[in-house]
Amino acid sequence: MTQKVHQVFPGEASSAVTLDARNLFLVSLAFADLAVALYPYPLTLVAIFHDGWALGEAHCKASAFVMGLSVVGSVFNITAIAVDRYCYVCRSVTYHRLCHRRHAALYVGLVWLLTLLVLLPNFFVGSLEYDPRVYSCTFAQTASAGYTAAVVLVHFLLPVAVVCFCYLHIWVLVLRARRKVKAESKPRPWAGRVRSFLSMFVVFVIFAICWAPLNCIGLAVAIDPEEVAPRVPEGLFVSSYFLAYFNSCLNAIVYGLLNQNFRREYKRIISALWNPRRCLQDSSKSSQAEGPGSQPTPADSARAPVQADNLPPDARPGDTLRK
């Protein structure tokens, strides 16, 4: 992959590092979304069938913790992606000095370490418990007013502010660069990167919409738990709760709608599930066709079509402005 990048865009030596970092953050975000579907959601179905929690306190605490891990980890990864792309576009000199391939895994690890630090106080304030309104073991907003306010701040308000700052500066720079390129009648080789920014911006907007109602309820409860909590309508809380956790299911849909590479892979997966025998036959033919003599030459690699979502642009918007 790195070799193809260098052949198509010579002189962009650090672009492969950007792709590695971006892919690691996306994998981390996918893991955060998947975690809640593998453990807490099946236990919620069991609670619905039994009309109550029947799996013991250990599973209750564990499922609530994994659910919190998924939720906080997801928003922290979205925030990290926004910061990464802000630095790549608006602070490119600093970015390529600090972000090397080995640093990407370190940053992802830091995201999950911060997630754990945010969740650990749950075990000391006793805020992980079963809520019969939603048939789930989850975070109890009335357990600690101070911790509830801190969770709303760290999990919602602060990330929203950081992501808004990052994408606002990115779009301002992109719009300036587009006007300058249009005035000079030059091609826009970074259009694919702008589409990538758009995908993550939509992911962030959907997150903010889904989680805003539940966090507003949590903030109101934190101000005066004894007075506000009994007055929150059960229907409002339940709908806000399920809207918030439905957000974990939407990221894959957003990527499928906005990213050509995801759509192509989705089609391959659906085709394999619909007709697995044909998929195996095609795979067998492909493996037989490949051999020592079938390797592409460097010239063929250079002529191969390149997807805009896969490869970095020839020039970043920030570089266009500086020139």
C-alpha atoms as a PDB file:
ATOM      1  CA  MET A   1       0.000   0.000   0.000  1.00  0.00           C
ATOM      2  CA  THR A   2       2.758   2.408   0.911  1.00  0.00           C
ATOM      3  CA  GLN A   3       4.553   1.636  -2.345  1.00  0.00           C
ATOM      4  CA  LYS A   4       1.451   2.521  -4.408  1.00  0.00           C
ATOM      5  CA  VAL A   5       1.001   5.755  -2.501  1.00  0.00           C
ATOM      6  CA  HIS A   6       4.554   6.821  -3.228  1.00  0.00           C
ATOM      7  CA  GLN A   7       4.259   5.877  -6.907  1.00  0.00           C
ATOM      8  CA  VAL A   8       1.103   7.877  -7.475  1.00  0.00           C
ATOM      9  CA  PHE A   9       2.029  10.837  -5.270  1.00  0.00           C
ATOM     10  CA  PRO A  10       5.811  11.136  -5.169  1.00  0.00           C
ATOM     11  CA  GLY A  11       7.132  13.404  -2.481  1.00  0.00           C
ATOM     12  CA  GLU A  12       4.182  12.733  -0.127  1.00  0.00           C
ATOM     13  CA  ALA A  13       6.304  10.427   2.036  1.00  0.00           C
ATOM     14  CA  SER A  14       4.348  10.881   5.241  1.00  0.00           C
ATOM     15  CA  SER A  15       0.893  10.243   3.773  1.00  0.00           C
ATOM     16  CA  ALA A  16       0.948   6.533   4.528  1.00  0.00           C
ATOM     17  CA  VAL A  17       1.361   7.425   8.189  1.00  0.00           C
ATOM     18  CA  THR A  18      -1.840   9.465   8.025  1.00  0.00           C
ATOM     19  CA  LEU A  19      -3.732   6.546   6.521  1.00  0.00           C
ATOM     20  CA  ASP A  20      -2.439   4.218   9.242  1.00  0.00           C
ATOM     21  CA  ALA A  21      -3.490   6.595  12.007  1.00  0.00           C
ATOM     22  CA  ARG A  22      -6.888   7.166  10.470  1.00  0.00           C
ATOM     23  CA  ASN A  23      -7.523   3.446  10.012  1.00  0.00           C
ATOM     24  CA  LEU A  24      -6.484   2.686  13.600  1.00  0.00           C
ATOM     25  CA  PHE A  25      -8.912   5.271  14.949  1.00  0.00           C
ATOM     26  CA  LEU A  26     -11.690   3.892  12.747  1.00  0.00           C
ATOM     27  CA  VAL A  27     -10.998   0.342  13.911  1.00  0.00           C
ATOM     28  CA  SER A  28     -11.038   1.569  17.506  1.00  0.00           C
ATOM     29  CA  LEU A  29     -14.375   3.324  16.904  1.00  0.00           C
ATOM     30  CA  ALA A  30     -15.800   0.182  15.307  1.00  0.00           C
ATOM     31  CA  PHE A  31     -14.666  -1.869  18.311  1.00  0.00           C
ATOM     32  CA  ALA A  32     -16.408   0.581  20.660  1.00  0.00           C
ATOM     33  CA  ASP A  33     -19.655   0.294  18.703  1.00  0.00           C
ATOM     34  CA  LEU A  34     -19.388  -3.489  18.465  1.00  0.00           C
ATOM     35  CA  ALA A  35     -18.691  -4.048  22.174  1.00  0.00           C
ATOM     36  CA  VAL A  36     -22.163  -2.937  23.237  1.00  0.00           C
ATOM     37  CA  ALA A  37     -23.793  -5.345  20.761  1.00  0.00           C
ATOM     38  CA  LEU A  38     -21.779  -8.378  21.855  1.00  0.00           C
ATOM     39  CA  TYR A  39     -22.504  -8.365  25.588  1.00  0.00           C
ATOM     40  CA  PRO A  40     -24.940  -5.789  27.094  1.00  0.00           C
ATOM     41  CA  TYR A  41     -27.622  -5.944  24.388  1.00  0.00           C
ATOM     42  CA  PRO A  42     -28.100  -9.747  24.516  1.00  0.00           C
ATOM     43  CA  LEU A  43     -28.445  -9.521  28.304  1.00  0.00           C
ATOM     44  CA  THR A  44     -31.044  -6.795  27.856  1.00  0.00           C
ATOM     45  CA  LEU A  45     -33.042  -9.151  25.625  1.00  0.00           C
ATOM     46  CA  VAL A  46     -32.878 -11.819  28.354  1.00  0.00           C
ATOM     47  CA  ALA A  47     -34.148  -9.260  30.895  1.00  0.00           C
ATOM     48  CA  ILE A  48     -37.035  -8.353  28.583  1.00  0.00           C
ATOM     49  CA  PHE A  49     -38.023 -12.015  28.195  1.00  0.00           C
ATOM     50  CA  HIS A  50     -37.893 -12.552  31.984  1.00  0.00           C
ATOM     51  CA  ASP A  51     -39.493  -9.153  32.726  1.00  0.00           C
ATOM     52  CA  GLY A  52     -36.592  -8.401  35.072  1.00  0.00           C
ATOM     53  CA  TRP A  53     -32.916  -9.057  35.694  1.00  0.00           C
ATOM     54  CA  ALA A  54     -32.278 -12.760  36.311  1.00  0.00           C
ATOM     55  CA  LEU A  55     -28.535 -13.082  35.627  1.00  0.00           C
ATOM     56  CA  GLY A  56     -27.042 -12.004  38.943  1.00  0.00           C
ATOM     57  CA  GLU A  57     -25.218  -8.940  40.176  1.00  0.00           C
ATOM     58  CA  ALA A  58     -21.874  -9.811  38.571  1.00  0.00           C
ATOM     59  CA  HIS A  59     -23.336  -9.825  35.057  1.00  0.00           C
ATOM     60  CA  CYS A  60     -25.272  -6.661  35.899  1.00  0.00           C
ATOM     61  CA  LYS A  61     -22.145  -4.738  36.880  1.00  0.00           C
ATOM     62  CA  ALA A  62     -20.116  -6.169  34.000  1.00  0.00           C
ATOM     63  CA  SER A  63     -22.711  -5.386  31.327  1.00  0.00           C
ATOM     64  CA  ALA A  64     -23.194  -1.850  32.657  1.00  0.00           C
ATOM     65  CA  PHE A  65     -19.419  -1.301  32.626  1.00  0.00           C
ATOM     66  CA  VAL A  66     -19.060  -2.633  29.060  1.00  0.00           C
ATOM     67  CA  MET A  67     -21.930  -0.407  27.968  1.00  0.00           C
ATOM     68  CA  GLY A  68     -20.190   2.607  29.508  1.00  0.00           C
ATOM     69  CA  LEU A  69     -16.916   1.514  27.917  1.00  0.00           C
ATOM     70  CA  SER A  70     -18.593   1.447  24.519  1.00  0.00           C
ATOM     71  CA  VAL A  71     -20.336   4.799  24.943  1.00  0.00           C
ATOM     72  CA  VAL A  72     -17.425   6.802  26.343  1.00  0.00           C
ATOM     73  CA  GLY A  73     -14.887   5.045  24.101  1.00  0.00           C
ATOM     74  CA  SER A  74     -16.988   5.850  21.043  1.00  0.00           C
ATOM     75  CA  VAL A  75     -17.199   9.574  21.737  1.00  0.00           C
ATOM     76  CA  PHE A  76     -13.519   9.778  22.698  1.00  0.00           C
ATOM     77  CA  ASN A  77     -12.571   8.088  19.407  1.00  0.00           C
ATOM     78  CA  ILE A  78     -14.770  10.507  17.462  1.00  0.00           C
ATOM     79  CA  THR A  79     -13.048  13.373  19.267  1.00  0.00           C
ATOM     80  CA  ALA A  80      -9.595  11.905  18.592  1.00  0.00           C
ATOM     81  CA  ILE A  81     -10.396  11.571  14.878  1.00  0.00           C
ATOM     82  CA  ALA A  82     -11.496  15.215  14.747  1.00  0.00           C
ATOM     83  CA  VAL A  83      -8.312  16.367  16.500  1.00  0.00           C
ATOM     84  CA  ASP A  84      -6.173  14.184  14.220  1.00  0.00           C
ATOM     85  CA  ARG A  85      -7.710  15.666  11.085  1.00  0.00           C
ATOM     86  CA  TYR A  86      -7.573  19.208  12.422  1.00  0.00           C
ATOM     87  CA  CYS A  87      -3.836  18.806  13.025  1.00  0.00           C
ATOM     88  CA  TYR A  88      -3.364  17.171   9.611  1.00  0.00           C
ATOM     89  CA  VAL A  89      -5.088  20.010   7.730  1.00  0.00           C
ATOM     90  CA  CYS A  90      -4.453  23.090   9.865  1.00  0.00           C
ATOM     91  CA  ARG A  91      -1.180  22.203  11.607  1.00  0.00           C
ATOM     92  CA  SER A  92       0.492  19.986   9.020  1.00  0.00           C
ATOM     93  CA  VAL A  93       4.099  20.853   9.954  1.00  0.00           C
ATOM     94  CA  THR A  94       3.570  19.932  13.592  1.00  0.00           C
ATOM     95  CA  TYR A  95       1.458  16.936  12.640  1.00  0.00           C
ATOM     96  CA  HIS A  96       4.120  15.220  10.549  1.00  0.00           C
ATOM     97  CA  ARG A  97       6.704  15.875  13.242  1.00  0.00           C
ATOM     98  CA  LEU A  98       4.658  14.313  16.045  1.00  0.00           C
ATOM     99  CA  CYS A  99       2.545  11.675  14.300  1.00  0.00           C
ATOM    100  CA  HIS A 100       4.588   8.706  13.180  1.00  0.00           C
ATOM    101  CA  ARG A 101       3.378   5.185  12.527  1.00  0.00           C
ATOM    102  CA  ARG A 102       4.375   3.949  15.976  1.00  0.00           C
ATOM    103  CA  HIS A 103       2.590   6.889  17.615  1.00  0.00           C
ATOM    104  CA  ALA A 104      -0.816   6.013  16.139  1.00  0.00           C
ATOM    105  CA  ALA A 105      -1.227   2.915  18.321  1.00  0.00           C
ATOM    106  CA  LEU A 106      -0.029   4.941  21.315  1.00  0.00           C
ATOM    107  CA  TYR A 107      -2.731   7.562  20.741  1.00  0.00           C
ATOM    108  CA  VAL A 108      -5.424   4.894  20.420  1.00  0.00           C
ATOM    109  CA  GLY A 109      -4.196   3.340  23.665  1.00  0.00           C
ATOM    110  CA  LEU A 110      -4.360   6.761  25.328  1.00  0.00           C
ATOM    111  CA  VAL A 111      -7.982   7.131  24.219  1.00  0.00           C
ATOM    112  CA  TRP A 112      -8.925   3.855  25.903  1.00  0.00           C
ATOM    113  CA  LEU A 113      -6.897   4.678  29.018  1.00  0.00           C
ATOM    114  CA  LEU A 114      -8.837   7.935  29.419  1.00  0.00           C
ATOM    115  CA  THR A 115     -12.047   5.977  28.884  1.00  0.00           C
ATOM    116  CA  LEU A 116     -11.168   3.630  31.744  1.00  0.00           C
ATOM    117  CA  LEU A 117     -10.279   6.536  34.014  1.00  0.00           C
ATOM    118  CA  VAL A 118     -13.663   8.140  33.371  1.00  0.00           C
ATOM    119  CA  LEU A 119     -15.520   4.894  34.172  1.00  0.00           C
ATOM    120  CA  LEU A 120     -13.632   3.707  37.263  1.00  0.00           C
ATOM    121  CA  PRO A 121     -15.477   6.042  39.711  1.00  0.00           C
ATOM    122  CA  ASN A 122     -18.667   4.102  38.921  1.00  0.00           C
ATOM    123  CA  PHE A 123     -17.491   1.331  41.239  1.00  0.00           C
ATOM    124  CA  PHE A 124     -16.951   3.780  44.119  1.00  0.00           C
ATOM    125  CA  VAL A 125     -20.198   5.762  43.884  1.00  0.00           C
ATOM    126  CA  GLY A 126     -22.406   2.720  43.190  1.00  0.00           C
ATOM    127  CA  SER A 127     -23.899   4.112  39.994  1.00  0.00           C
ATOM    128  CA  LEU A 128     -24.032   0.835  38.019  1.00  0.00           C
ATOM    129  CA  GLU A 129     -27.400  -0.758  38.699  1.00  0.00           C
ATOM    130  CA  TYR A 130     -30.446  -2.288  37.045  1.00  0.00           C
ATOM    131  CA  ASP A 131     -33.085   0.113  35.724  1.00  0.00           C
ATOM    132  CA  PRO A 132     -36.454  -1.620  35.145  1.00  0.00           C
ATOM    133  CA  ARG A 133     -37.597   1.200  32.852  1.00  0.00           C
ATOM    134  CA  VAL A 134     -35.095   0.162  30.170  1.00  0.00           C
ATOM    135  CA  TYR A 135     -34.517  -3.495  31.175  1.00  0.00           C
ATOM    136  CA  SER A 136     -30.777  -2.820  31.410  1.00  0.00           C
ATOM    137  CA  CYS A 137     -28.018  -2.488  33.948  1.00  0.00           C
ATOM    138  CA  THR A 138     -26.764   0.985  33.268  1.00  0.00           C
ATOM    139  CA  PHE A 139     -25.516   4.258  34.743  1.00  0.00           C
ATOM    140  CA  ALA A 140     -27.875   5.597  37.437  1.00  0.00           C
ATOM    141  CA  GLN A 141     -28.052   9.381  37.151  1.00  0.00           C
ATOM    142  CA  THR A 142     -29.368   9.770  40.712  1.00  0.00           C
ATOM    143  CA  ALA A 143     -26.512   7.870  42.415  1.00  0.00           C
ATOM    144  CA  SER A 144     -24.177  10.884  42.612  1.00  0.00           C
ATOM    145  CA  ALA A 145     -25.054  14.385  41.478  1.00  0.00           C
ATOM    146  CA  GLY A 146     -21.396  15.410  41.226  1.00  0.00           C
ATOM    147  CA  TYR A 147     -20.359  12.372  39.197  1.00  0.00           C
ATOM    148  CA  THR A 148     -23.397  12.699  36.904  1.00  0.00           C
ATOM    149  CA  ALA A 149     -22.459  16.307  36.168  1.00  0.00           C
ATOM    150  CA  ALA A 150     -18.840  15.270  35.531  1.00  0.00           C
ATOM    151  CA  VAL A 151     -19.956  12.520  33.127  1.00  0.00           C
ATOM    152  CA  VAL A 152     -22.146  14.953  31.171  1.00  0.00           C
ATOM    153  CA  LEU A 153     -19.233  17.391  30.971  1.00  0.00           C
ATOM    154  CA  VAL A 154     -16.545  14.859  29.985  1.00  0.00           C
ATOM    155  CA  HIS A 155     -18.677  12.582  27.831  1.00  0.00           C
ATOM    156  CA  PHE A 156     -20.788  15.166  25.992  1.00  0.00           C
ATOM    157  CA  LEU A 157     -20.176  18.886  26.483  1.00  0.00           C
ATOM    158  CA  LEU A 158     -16.370  18.898  26.245  1.00  0.00           C
ATOM    159  CA  PRO A 159     -16.145  16.522  23.239  1.00  0.00           C
ATOM    160  CA  VAL A 160     -18.839  18.478  21.393  1.00  0.00           C
ATOM    161  CA  ALA A 161     -16.925  21.716  21.973  1.00  0.00           C
ATOM    162  CA  VAL A 162     -13.615  20.178  20.817  1.00  0.00           C
ATOM    163  CA  VAL A 163     -15.104  18.548  17.716  1.00  0.00           C
ATOM    164  CA  CYS A 164     -16.980  21.720  16.752  1.00  0.00           C
ATOM    165  CA  PHE A 165     -13.749  23.715  17.074  1.00  0.00           C
ATOM    166  CA  CYS A 166     -11.817  21.233  14.919  1.00  0.00           C
ATOM    167  CA  TYR A 167     -14.351  20.871  12.103  1.00  0.00           C
ATOM    168  CA  LEU A 168     -15.157  24.582  12.043  1.00  0.00           C
ATOM    169  CA  HIS A 169     -11.496  25.415  11.430  1.00  0.00           C
ATOM    170  CA  ILE A 170     -11.184  22.623   8.870  1.00  0.00           C
ATOM    171  CA  TRP A 171     -14.172  23.834   6.870  1.00  0.00           C
ATOM    172  CA  VAL A 172     -13.060  27.463   7.002  1.00  0.00           C
ATOM    173  CA  LEU A 173      -9.692  26.435   5.580  1.00  0.00           C
ATOM    174  CA  VAL A 174     -11.305  24.163   2.971  1.00  0.00           C
ATOM    175  CA  LEU A 175     -13.682  26.883   1.781  1.00  0.00           C
ATOM    176  CA  ARG A 176     -10.830  29.383   1.480  1.00  0.00           C
ATOM    177  CA  ALA A 177      -8.761  26.907  -0.478  1.00  0.00           C
ATOM    178  CA  ARG A 178     -11.683  26.063  -2.767  1.00  0.00           C
ATOM    179  CA  ARG A 179     -12.217  29.726  -3.572  1.00  0.00           C
ATOM    180  CA  LYS A 180      -8.540  30.207  -4.324  1.00  0.00           C
ATOM    181  CA  VAL A 181      -8.330  27.076  -6.502  1.00  0.00           C
ATOM    182  CA  LYS A 182     -11.490  28.063  -8.350  1.00  0.00           C
ATOM    183  CA  ALA A 183     -10.126  31.548  -8.998  1.00  0.00           C
ATOM    184  CA  GLU A 184      -6.899  30.074 -10.394  1.00  0.00           C
ATOM    185  CA  SER A 185      -8.786  27.421 -12.438  1.00  0.00           C
ATOM    186  CA  LYS A 186      -6.767  24.588 -10.901  1.00  0.00           C
ATOM    187  CA  PRO A 187      -7.986  21.029 -10.308  1.00  0.00           C
ATOM    188  CA  ARG A 188      -9.013  20.013  -6.782  1.00  0.00           C
ATOM    189  CA  PRO A 189      -6.937  16.917  -5.968  1.00  0.00           C
ATOM    190  CA  TRP A 190      -7.985  16.963  -2.299  1.00  0.00           C
ATOM    191  CA  ALA A 191     -11.725  16.479  -3.000  1.00  0.00           C
ATOM    192  CA  GLY A 192     -11.542  12.873  -1.770  1.00  0.00           C
ATOM    193  CA  ARG A 193     -10.135  14.012   1.553  1.00  0.00           C
ATOM    194  CA  VAL A 194     -12.995  16.511   1.914  1.00  0.00           C
ATOM    195  CA  ARG A 195     -15.492  13.671   1.421  1.00  0.00           C
ATOM    196  CA  SER A 196     -13.703  11.764   4.162  1.00  0.00           C
ATOM    197  CA  PHE A 197     -14.024  14.774   6.499  1.00  0.00           C
ATOM    198  CA  LEU A 198     -17.709  14.951   5.632  1.00  0.00           C
ATOM    199  CA  SER A 199     -18.267  11.322   6.647  1.00  0.00           C
ATOM    200  CA  MET A 200     -16.782  11.840  10.099  1.00  0.00           C
ATOM    201  CA  PHE A 201     -18.608  15.145  10.517  1.00  0.00           C
ATOM    202  CA  VAL A 202     -21.929  13.395   9.846  1.00  0.00           C
ATOM    203  CA  VAL A 203     -20.974  10.714  12.405  1.00  0.00           C
ATOM    204  CA  PHE A 204     -20.383  13.479  14.952  1.00  0.00           C
ATOM    205  CA  VAL A 205     -23.653  15.292  14.167  1.00  0.00           C
ATOM    206  CA  ILE A 206     -25.647  12.073  14.548  1.00  0.00           C
ATOM    207  CA  PHE A 207     -23.894  11.392  17.863  1.00  0.00           C
ATOM    208  CA  ALA A 208     -24.769  14.869  19.160  1.00  0.00           C
ATOM    209  CA  ILE A 209     -28.413  14.522  18.125  1.00  0.00           C
ATOM    210  CA  CYS A 210     -28.797  11.049  19.637  1.00  0.00           C
ATOM    211  CA  TRP A 211     -27.128  11.817  22.962  1.00  0.00           C
ATOM    212  CA  ALA A 212     -28.344  15.379  23.581  1.00  0.00           C
ATOM    213  CA  PRO A 213     -31.739  14.471  25.147  1.00  0.00           C
ATOM    214  CA  LEU A 214     -30.326  11.949  27.642  1.00  0.00           C
ATOM    215  CA  ASN A 215     -27.480  14.256  28.639  1.00  0.00           C
ATOM    216  CA  CYS A 216     -29.886  17.159  29.142  1.00  0.00           C
ATOM    217  CA  ILE A 217     -31.928  14.953  31.467  1.00  0.00           C
ATOM    218  CA  GLY A 218     -28.752  13.917  33.286  1.00  0.00           C
ATOM    219  CA  LEU A 219     -27.645  17.525  33.710  1.00  0.00           C
ATOM    220  CA  ALA A 220     -31.063  18.512  35.086  1.00  0.00           C
ATOM    221  CA  VAL A 221     -31.015  15.569  37.502  1.00  0.00           C
ATOM    222  CA  ALA A 222     -27.489  16.452  38.632  1.00  0.00           C
ATOM    223  CA  ILE A 223     -28.594  19.977  39.567  1.00  0.00           C
ATOM    224  CA  ASP A 224     -31.320  18.745  41.934  1.00  0.00           C
ATOM    225  CA  PRO A 225     -31.717  14.930  42.023  1.00  0.00           C
ATOM    226  CA  GLU A 226     -34.468  14.744  44.638  1.00  0.00           C
ATOM    227  CA  GLU A 227     -36.612  17.398  42.985  1.00  0.00           C
ATOM    228  CA  VAL A 228     -36.035  16.778  39.260  1.00  0.00           C
ATOM    229  CA  ALA A 229     -35.660  12.979  38.990  1.00  0.00           C
ATOM    230  CA  PRO A 230     -39.252  12.104  40.035  1.00  0.00           C
ATOM    231  CA  ARG A 231     -40.636  14.681  37.597  1.00  0.00           C
ATOM    232  CA  VAL A 232     -38.916  13.270  34.493  1.00  0.00           C
ATOM    233  CA  PRO A 233     -41.623  11.464  32.473  1.00  0.00           C
ATOM    234  CA  GLU A 234     -40.859   7.779  32.091  1.00  0.00           C
ATOM    235  CA  GLY A 235     -41.661   7.850  28.375  1.00  0.00           C
ATOM    236  CA  LEU A 236     -39.243  10.736  27.810  1.00  0.00           C
ATOM    237  CA  PHE A 237     -36.444   8.992  29.683  1.00  0.00           C
ATOM    238  CA  VAL A 238     -36.980   5.640  27.925  1.00  0.00           C
ATOM    239  CA  SER A 239     -37.123   7.199  24.442  1.00  0.00           C
ATOM    240  CA  SER A 240     -34.022   9.312  25.191  1.00  0.00           C
ATOM    241  CA  TYR A 241     -32.181   6.259  26.495  1.00  0.00           C
ATOM    242  CA  PHE A 242     -32.884   4.071  23.483  1.00  0.00           C
ATOM    243  CA  LEU A 243     -32.183   6.938  21.064  1.00  0.00           C
ATOM    244  CA  ALA A 244     -28.770   7.402  22.688  1.00  0.00           C
ATOM    245  CA  TYR A 245     -27.787   3.748  22.504  1.00  0.00           C
ATOM    246  CA  PHE A 246     -29.203   3.373  19.005  1.00  0.00           C
ATOM    247  CA  ASN A 247     -26.364   5.671  17.964  1.00  0.00           C
ATOM    248  CA  SER A 248     -23.978   2.697  18.111  1.00  0.00           C
ATOM    249  CA  CYS A 249     -25.870   1.127  15.203  1.00  0.00           C
ATOM    250  CA  LEU A 250     -25.749   4.170  12.947  1.00  0.00           C
ATOM    251  CA  ASN A 251     -22.040   4.648  12.228  1.00  0.00           C
ATOM    252  CA  ALA A 252     -21.879   1.634   9.911  1.00  0.00           C
ATOM    253  CA  ILE A 253     -24.917   2.955   8.018  1.00  0.00           C
ATOM    254  CA  VAL A 254     -23.348   6.401   7.651  1.00  0.00           C
ATOM    255  CA  TYR A 255     -20.156   4.926   6.210  1.00  0.00           C
ATOM    256  CA  GLY A 256     -22.169   2.706   3.892  1.00  0.00           C
ATOM    257  CA  LEU A 257     -24.027   5.714   2.516  1.00  0.00           C
ATOM    258  CA  LEU A 258     -21.109   8.139   2.214  1.00  0.00           C
ATOM    259  CA  ASN A 259     -18.052   5.987   1.497  1.00  0.00           C
ATOM    260  CA  GLN A 260     -17.615   4.142  -1.787  1.00  0.00           C
ATOM    261  CA  ASN A 261     -15.165   1.618  -0.338  1.00  0.00           C
ATOM    262  CA  PHE A 262     -17.572   0.633   2.444  1.00  0.00           C
ATOM    263  CA  ARG A 263     -20.411   0.215  -0.071  1.00  0.00           C
ATOM    264  CA  ARG A 264     -18.264  -2.060  -2.189  1.00  0.00           C
ATOM    265  CA  GLU A 265     -17.314  -4.237   0.772  1.00  0.00           C
ATOM    266  CA  TYR A 266     -20.922  -4.368   1.988  1.00  0.00           C
ATOM    267  CA  LYS A 267     -21.977  -5.629  -1.445  1.00  0.00           C
ATOM    268  CA  ARG A 268     -19.302  -8.320  -1.299  1.00  0.00           C
ATOM    269  CA  ILE A 269     -20.444  -9.445   2.160  1.00  0.00           C
ATOM    270  CA  ILE A 270     -24.128  -9.519   1.160  1.00  0.00           C
ATOM    271  CA  SER A 271     -23.265 -11.402  -2.027  1.00  0.00           C
ATOM    272  CA  ALA A 272     -21.264 -13.955  -0.030  1.00  0.00           C
ATOM    273  CA  LEU A 273     -24.132 -14.457   2.417  1.00  0.00           C
ATOM    274  CA  TRP A 274     -26.712 -14.688  -0.387  1.00  0.00           C
ATOM    275  CA  ASN A 275     -24.737 -17.120  -2.534  1.00  0.00           C
ATOM    276  CA  PRO A 276     -21.803 -18.573  -0.536  1.00  0.00           C
ATOM    277  CA  ARG A 277     -21.113 -21.318  -3.127  1.00  0.00           C
ATOM    278  CA  ARG A 278     -20.557 -18.800  -5.903  1.00  0.00           C
ATOM    279  CA  CYS A 279     -18.365 -16.728  -3.595  1.00  0.00           C
ATOM    280  CA  LEU A 280     -16.188 -19.763  -2.850  1.00  0.00           C
ATOM    281  CA  GLN A 281     -15.943 -20.585  -6.561  1.00  0.00           C
ATOM    282  CA  ASP A 282     -14.908 -17.031  -7.425  1.00  0.00           C
ATOM    283  CA  SER A 283     -12.345 -17.072  -4.620  1.00  0.00           C
ATOM    284  CA  SER A 284     -10.947 -20.378  -5.868  1.00  0.00           C
ATOM    285  CA  LYS A 285     -10.657 -19.113  -9.432  1.00  0.00           C
ATOM    286  CA  SER A 286      -8.964 -15.954  -8.212  1.00  0.00           C
ATOM    287  CA  SER A 287      -6.387 -17.905  -6.199  1.00  0.00           C
ATOM    288  CA  GLN A 288      -5.660 -20.203  -9.152  1.00  0.00           C
ATOM    289  CA  ALA A 289      -5.184 -17.237 -11.456  1.00  0.00           C
ATOM    290  CA  GLU A 290      -2.624 -15.684  -9.135  1.00  0.00           C
ATOM    291  CA  GLY A 291       0.912 -16.924  -9.422  1.00  0.00           C
ATOM    292  CA  PRO A 292       4.522 -15.891  -9.742  1.00  0.00           C
ATOM    293  CA  GLY A 293       3.927 -14.691 -13.295  1.00  0.00           C
ATOM    294  CA  SER A 294       0.802 -12.727 -12.473  1.00  0.00           C
ATOM    295  CA  GLN A 295       2.387 -10.108 -10.246  1.00  0.00           C
ATOM    296  CA  PRO A 296       1.858  -6.576 -11.623  1.00  0.00           C
ATOM    297  CA  THR A 297       4.858  -4.644 -12.801  1.00  0.00           C
ATOM    298  CA  PRO A 298       5.651  -1.215 -11.385  1.00  0.00           C
ATOM    299  CA  ALA A 299       4.339   0.315 -14.595  1.00  0.00           C
ATOM    300  CA  ASP A 300       1.054  -1.554 -14.215  1.00  0.00           C
ATOM    301  CA  SER A 301       0.773  -0.416 -10.616  1.00  0.00           C
ATOM    302  CA  ALA A 302       1.275   3.178 -11.665  1.00  0.00           C
ATOM    303  CA  ARG A 303      -1.502   2.821 -14.299  1.00  0.00           C
ATOM    304  CA  ALA A 304      -3.925   1.139 -11.894  1.00  0.00           C
ATOM    305  CA  PRO A 305      -7.027   3.186 -11.025  1.00  0.00           C
ATOM    306  CA  VAL A 306      -6.866   4.853  -7.643  1.00  0.00           C
ATOM    307  CA  GLN A 307      -9.829   5.401  -5.340  1.00  0.00           C
ATOM    308  CA  ALA A 308     -10.001   8.884  -3.863  1.00  0.00           C
ATOM    309  CA  ASP A 309     -11.067   7.557  -0.451  1.00  0.00           C
ATOM    310  CA  ASN A 310      -8.070   5.219  -0.261  1.00  0.00           C
ATOM    311  CA  LEU A 311      -5.193   7.507  -1.084  1.00  0.00           C
ATOM    312  CA  PRO A 312      -4.121  10.886   0.252  1.00  0.00           C
ATOM    313  CA  PRO A 313      -4.586  13.982  -1.887  1.00  0.00           C
ATOM    314  CA  ASP A 314      -1.841  15.540  -3.902  1.00  0.00           C
ATOM    315  CA  ALA A 315      -2.080  18.638  -1.788  1.00  0.00           C
ATOM    316  CA  ARG A 316      -3.853  19.516   1.429  1.00  0.00           C
ATOM    317  CA  PRO A 317      -6.074  22.608   1.643  1.00  0.00           C
ATOM    318  CA  GLY A 318      -3.648  24.137   4.125  1.00  0.00           C
ATOM    319  CA  ASP A 319      -0.741  23.613   1.694  1.00  0.00           C
ATOM    320  CA  THR A 320      -2.740  25.343  -1.076  1.00  0.00           C
ATOM    321  CA  LEU A 321      -3.259  28.407   1.089  1.00  0.00           C
ATOM    322  CA  ARG A 322       0.351  28.573   2.190  1.00  0.00           C
ATOM    323  CA  LYS A 323       1.513  28.455  -1.424  1.00  0.00           C
END
